[in-house]
C-alpha cells in the first residue's frame, strides 16, 4: 500500500542518452544515432546549456552522455560537474580541433572518448551502443 505524499520512483525500463549540444540543426551523425536508437526504445534527451545538462544528470537517470564543447556548453567544465554527481557515467565529448592540453584534461576526467567533426556516424553509433550495454544492457537490435 502506498501512502499519500510518499514519493515512489518507478523502475527505469528504457535506456537514456543525454545529448548536450547547442540548439542548431541536427548533424548527420545525430540523425543516424536517433534513427538507430529510437526504434530500440532508447530515449534520447536533448539539453542545450551546461545548466540543463547538469540538472538532467542530477534529477534523472542517464545511461550515456554525449557532450559538445561549444560556447553554451563547455564540455570539460560540464564533465567536471558530472563527475561530482556520477563518477561512473559514460561520457563522450565532441570538440572541434581540441589541443593536447584539452585532450589530457578530458582523459583525466575519464571521458570515454573524444570525437572531432566530421564525426563518423557509424563509429559513434557503435560506441554509444557499447556504452549502453556496459552501463545497463541495451536491446540486441542495436548491434
C-alpha atoms as a PDB file:
ATOM      1  CA  UNK A   1       0.000   0.000   0.000  1.00  0.00           C
ATOM      2  CA  UNK A   2       1.314   3.438  -0.929  1.00  0.00           C
ATOM      3  CA  UNK A   3       0.755   6.269   1.499  1.00  0.00           C
ATOM      4  CA  UNK A   4      -0.314   9.675   0.245  1.00  0.00           C
ATOM      5  CA  UNK A   5       2.535  12.101  -0.129  1.00  0.00           C
ATOM      6  CA  UNK A   6       5.115   9.319  -0.342  1.00  0.00           C
ATOM      7  CA  UNK A   7       7.279   9.619  -3.423  1.00  0.00           C
ATOM      8  CA  UNK A   8       7.890   6.415  -5.309  1.00  0.00           C
ATOM      9  CA  UNK A   9      10.272   6.043  -8.179  1.00  0.00           C
ATOM     10  CA  UNK A  10       9.231   3.644 -10.891  1.00  0.00           C
ATOM     11  CA  UNK A  11      11.965   1.359 -12.181  1.00  0.00           C
ATOM     12  CA  UNK A  12      13.744   2.734 -15.228  1.00  0.00           C
ATOM     13  CA  UNK A  13      12.931   0.431 -18.121  1.00  0.00           C
ATOM     14  CA  UNK A  14      14.376   2.422 -21.023  1.00  0.00           C
ATOM     15  CA  UNK A  15      17.978   3.313 -21.681  1.00  0.00           C
ATOM     16  CA  UNK A  16      18.513   7.061 -21.759  1.00  0.00           C
ATOM     17  CA  UNK A  17      21.129   9.009 -23.725  1.00  0.00           C
ATOM     18  CA  UNK A  18      21.651  12.670 -22.889  1.00  0.00           C
ATOM     19  CA  UNK A  19      22.784  14.810 -25.789  1.00  0.00           C
ATOM     20  CA  UNK A  20      24.206  18.128 -24.580  1.00  0.00           C
ATOM     21  CA  UNK A  21      24.674  20.416 -27.548  1.00  0.00           C
ATOM     22  CA  UNK A  22      23.920  23.865 -28.886  1.00  0.00           C
ATOM     23  CA  UNK A  23      20.460  24.438 -30.284  1.00  0.00           C
ATOM     24  CA  UNK A  24      21.064  24.197 -34.011  1.00  0.00           C
ATOM     25  CA  UNK A  25      20.357  21.908 -36.909  1.00  0.00           C
ATOM     26  CA  UNK A  26      20.816  18.189 -36.357  1.00  0.00           C
ATOM     27  CA  UNK A  27      24.096  16.856 -37.704  1.00  0.00           C
ATOM     28  CA  UNK A  28      24.218  13.719 -39.848  1.00  0.00           C
ATOM     29  CA  UNK A  29      25.680  11.630 -37.020  1.00  0.00           C
ATOM     30  CA  UNK A  30      22.890  12.786 -34.690  1.00  0.00           C
ATOM     31  CA  UNK A  31      20.230  11.799 -37.227  1.00  0.00           C
ATOM     32  CA  UNK A  32      21.840   8.388 -37.640  1.00  0.00           C
ATOM     33  CA  UNK A  33      22.064   7.921 -33.880  1.00  0.00           C
ATOM     34  CA  UNK A  34      18.403   8.855 -33.405  1.00  0.00           C
ATOM     35  CA  UNK A  35      17.361   6.575 -36.266  1.00  0.00           C
ATOM     36  CA  UNK A  36      19.196   3.594 -34.752  1.00  0.00           C
ATOM     37  CA  UNK A  37      18.370   4.136 -31.091  1.00  0.00           C
ATOM     38  CA  UNK A  38      14.748   5.276 -31.307  1.00  0.00           C
ATOM     39  CA  UNK A  39      13.204   2.054 -32.649  1.00  0.00           C
ATOM     40  CA  UNK A  40      15.054   0.093 -29.970  1.00  0.00           C
ATOM     41  CA  UNK A  41      13.324   2.032 -27.216  1.00  0.00           C
ATOM     42  CA  UNK A  42      16.289   4.183 -26.235  1.00  0.00           C
ATOM     43  CA  UNK A  43      15.243   7.659 -25.160  1.00  0.00           C
ATOM     44  CA  UNK A  44      17.479  10.475 -26.419  1.00  0.00           C
ATOM     45  CA  UNK A  45      17.080  13.639 -24.386  1.00  0.00           C
ATOM     46  CA  UNK A  46      18.459  16.998 -25.520  1.00  0.00           C
ATOM     47  CA  UNK A  47      19.937  19.690 -23.288  1.00  0.00           C
ATOM     48  CA  UNK A  48      21.057  22.997 -24.764  1.00  0.00           C
ATOM     49  CA  UNK A  49      23.015  24.624 -21.932  1.00  0.00           C
ATOM     50  CA  UNK A  50      25.520  23.463 -19.324  1.00  0.00           C
ATOM     51  CA  UNK A  51      22.978  24.121 -16.567  1.00  0.00           C
ATOM     52  CA  UNK A  52      20.403  21.947 -18.343  1.00  0.00           C
ATOM     53  CA  UNK A  53      22.892  19.085 -18.718  1.00  0.00           C
ATOM     54  CA  UNK A  54      23.807  19.194 -15.033  1.00  0.00           C
ATOM     55  CA  UNK A  55      20.149  19.421 -13.979  1.00  0.00           C
ATOM     56  CA  UNK A  56      19.253  16.337 -16.015  1.00  0.00           C
ATOM     57  CA  UNK A  57      22.166  14.324 -14.611  1.00  0.00           C
ATOM     58  CA  UNK A  58      21.204  15.374 -11.068  1.00  0.00           C
ATOM     59  CA  UNK A  59      17.496  14.645 -11.358  1.00  0.00           C
ATOM     60  CA  UNK A  60      17.048  11.885 -13.923  1.00  0.00           C
ATOM     61  CA  UNK A  61      18.504   8.525 -14.839  1.00  0.00           C
ATOM     62  CA  UNK A  62      21.070   8.892 -17.615  1.00  0.00           C
ATOM     63  CA  UNK A  63      22.998   5.946 -19.051  1.00  0.00           C
ATOM     64  CA  UNK A  64      25.298   7.767 -21.517  1.00  0.00           C
ATOM     65  CA  UNK A  65      26.051  11.480 -22.010  1.00  0.00           C
ATOM     66  CA  UNK A  66      27.267  12.994 -25.270  1.00  0.00           C
ATOM     67  CA  UNK A  67      28.613  16.495 -24.658  1.00  0.00           C
ATOM     68  CA  UNK A  68      29.613  19.070 -27.222  1.00  0.00           C
ATOM     69  CA  UNK A  69      32.322  21.572 -26.456  1.00  0.00           C
ATOM     70  CA  UNK A  70      30.656  24.805 -27.541  1.00  0.00           C
ATOM     71  CA  UNK A  71      30.072  28.329 -26.215  1.00  0.00           C
ATOM     72  CA  UNK A  72      26.940  27.450 -24.203  1.00  0.00           C
ATOM     73  CA  UNK A  73      28.197  24.005 -23.183  1.00  0.00           C
ATOM     74  CA  UNK A  74      31.850  23.883 -22.175  1.00  0.00           C
ATOM     75  CA  UNK A  75      32.398  20.154 -22.458  1.00  0.00           C
ATOM     76  CA  UNK A  76      35.253  19.931 -19.946  1.00  0.00           C
ATOM     77  CA  UNK A  77      33.513  22.069 -17.334  1.00  0.00           C
ATOM     78  CA  UNK A  78      30.298  20.103 -17.693  1.00  0.00           C
ATOM     79  CA  UNK A  79      32.189  16.813 -17.482  1.00  0.00           C
ATOM     80  CA  UNK A  80      33.909  18.053 -14.319  1.00  0.00           C
ATOM     81  CA  UNK A  81      30.493  18.804 -12.773  1.00  0.00           C
ATOM     82  CA  UNK A  82      29.089  15.456 -13.911  1.00  0.00           C
ATOM     83  CA  UNK A  83      31.963  13.638 -12.216  1.00  0.00           C
ATOM     84  CA  UNK A  84      30.961  15.182  -8.873  1.00  0.00           C
ATOM     85  CA  UNK A  85      27.414  13.855  -9.375  1.00  0.00           C
ATOM     86  CA  UNK A  86      28.090  10.495 -11.046  1.00  0.00           C
ATOM     87  CA  UNK A  87      31.678   9.323 -11.232  1.00  0.00           C
ATOM     88  CA  UNK A  88      30.885   6.375 -13.489  1.00  0.00           C
ATOM     89  CA  UNK A  89      28.513   7.904 -16.071  1.00  0.00           C
ATOM     90  CA  UNK A  90      29.892   7.129 -19.551  1.00  0.00           C
ATOM     91  CA  UNK A  91      30.614  10.451 -21.268  1.00  0.00           C
ATOM     92  CA  UNK A  92      31.686  11.193 -24.817  1.00  0.00           C
ATOM     93  CA  UNK A  93      32.990  14.642 -25.725  1.00  0.00           C
ATOM     94  CA  UNK A  94      32.616  16.273 -29.127  1.00  0.00           C
ATOM     95  CA  UNK A  95      35.112  19.060 -29.769  1.00  0.00           C
ATOM     96  CA  UNK A  96      36.323  20.872 -32.856  1.00  0.00           C
ATOM     97  CA  UNK A  97      40.115  20.851 -33.002  1.00  0.00           C
ATOM     98  CA  UNK A  98      40.943  20.006 -29.379  1.00  0.00           C
ATOM     99  CA  UNK A  99      44.559  20.665 -28.441  1.00  0.00           C
ATOM    100  CA  UNK A 100      46.807  18.345 -26.447  1.00  0.00           C
ATOM    101  CA  UNK A 101      46.139  20.065 -23.115  1.00  0.00           C
ATOM    102  CA  UNK A 102      42.378  19.826 -23.661  1.00  0.00           C
ATOM    103  CA  UNK A 103      42.653  16.121 -24.522  1.00  0.00           C
ATOM    104  CA  UNK A 104      44.764  15.472 -21.420  1.00  0.00           C
ATOM    105  CA  UNK A 105      42.099  17.125 -19.265  1.00  0.00           C
ATOM    106  CA  UNK A 106      39.378  15.059 -20.946  1.00  0.00           C
ATOM    107  CA  UNK A 107      41.294  11.867 -20.190  1.00  0.00           C
ATOM    108  CA  UNK A 108      41.938  12.974 -16.599  1.00  0.00           C
ATOM    109  CA  UNK A 109      38.171  13.442 -16.207  1.00  0.00           C
ATOM    110  CA  UNK A 110      37.644   9.912 -17.564  1.00  0.00           C
ATOM    111  CA  UNK A 111      35.935  10.819 -20.830  1.00  0.00           C
ATOM    112  CA  UNK A 112      35.172   7.555 -22.602  1.00  0.00           C
ATOM    113  CA  UNK A 113      36.013   9.034 -25.975  1.00  0.00           C
ATOM    114  CA  UNK A 114      36.526  12.305 -27.833  1.00  0.00           C
ATOM    115  CA  UNK A 115      35.223  12.948 -31.338  1.00  0.00           C
ATOM    116  CA  UNK A 116      36.067  15.829 -33.659  1.00  0.00           C
ATOM    117  CA  UNK A 117      33.977  16.821 -36.683  1.00  0.00           C
ATOM    118  CA  UNK A 118      33.408  15.403 -39.163  1.00  0.00           C
ATOM    119  CA  UNK A 119      32.025  12.636 -36.982  1.00  0.00           C
ATOM    120  CA  UNK A 120      31.828   9.101 -38.289  1.00  0.00           C
ATOM    121  CA  UNK A 121      28.161   8.267 -37.612  1.00  0.00           C
ATOM    122  CA  UNK A 122      28.724   4.505 -37.694  1.00  0.00           C
ATOM    123  CA  UNK A 123      31.580   4.712 -35.190  1.00  0.00           C
ATOM    124  CA  UNK A 124      29.560   6.982 -32.876  1.00  0.00           C
ATOM    125  CA  UNK A 125      26.554   4.620 -33.008  1.00  0.00           C
ATOM    126  CA  UNK A 126      28.726   1.589 -32.223  1.00  0.00           C
ATOM    127  CA  UNK A 127      30.366   3.388 -29.301  1.00  0.00           C
ATOM    128  CA  UNK A 128      27.059   4.552 -27.803  1.00  0.00           C
ATOM    129  CA  UNK A 129      25.616   1.061 -28.206  1.00  0.00           C
ATOM    130  CA  UNK A 130      28.611  -0.492 -26.436  1.00  0.00           C
ATOM    131  CA  UNK A 131      28.459   2.073 -23.614  1.00  0.00           C
ATOM    132  CA  UNK A 132      24.743   1.420 -23.122  1.00  0.00           C
ATOM    133  CA  UNK A 133      25.343  -2.308 -22.924  1.00  0.00           C
ATOM    134  CA  UNK A 134      28.144  -1.836 -20.424  1.00  0.00           C
ATOM    135  CA  UNK A 135      26.116   0.587 -18.300  1.00  0.00           C
ATOM    136  CA  UNK A 136      22.848  -1.327 -18.086  1.00  0.00           C
ATOM    137  CA  UNK A 137      22.299  -3.570 -21.071  1.00  0.00           C
ATOM    138  CA  UNK A 138      20.842  -2.429 -24.378  1.00  0.00           C
ATOM    139  CA  UNK A 139      18.439  -4.086 -26.794  1.00  0.00           C
ATOM    140  CA  UNK A 140      20.029  -6.597 -29.160  1.00  0.00           C
ATOM    141  CA  UNK A 141      18.689  -4.744 -32.205  1.00  0.00           C
ATOM    142  CA  UNK A 142      21.382  -2.101 -31.654  1.00  0.00           C
ATOM    143  CA  UNK A 143      24.186  -4.491 -32.586  1.00  0.00           C
END
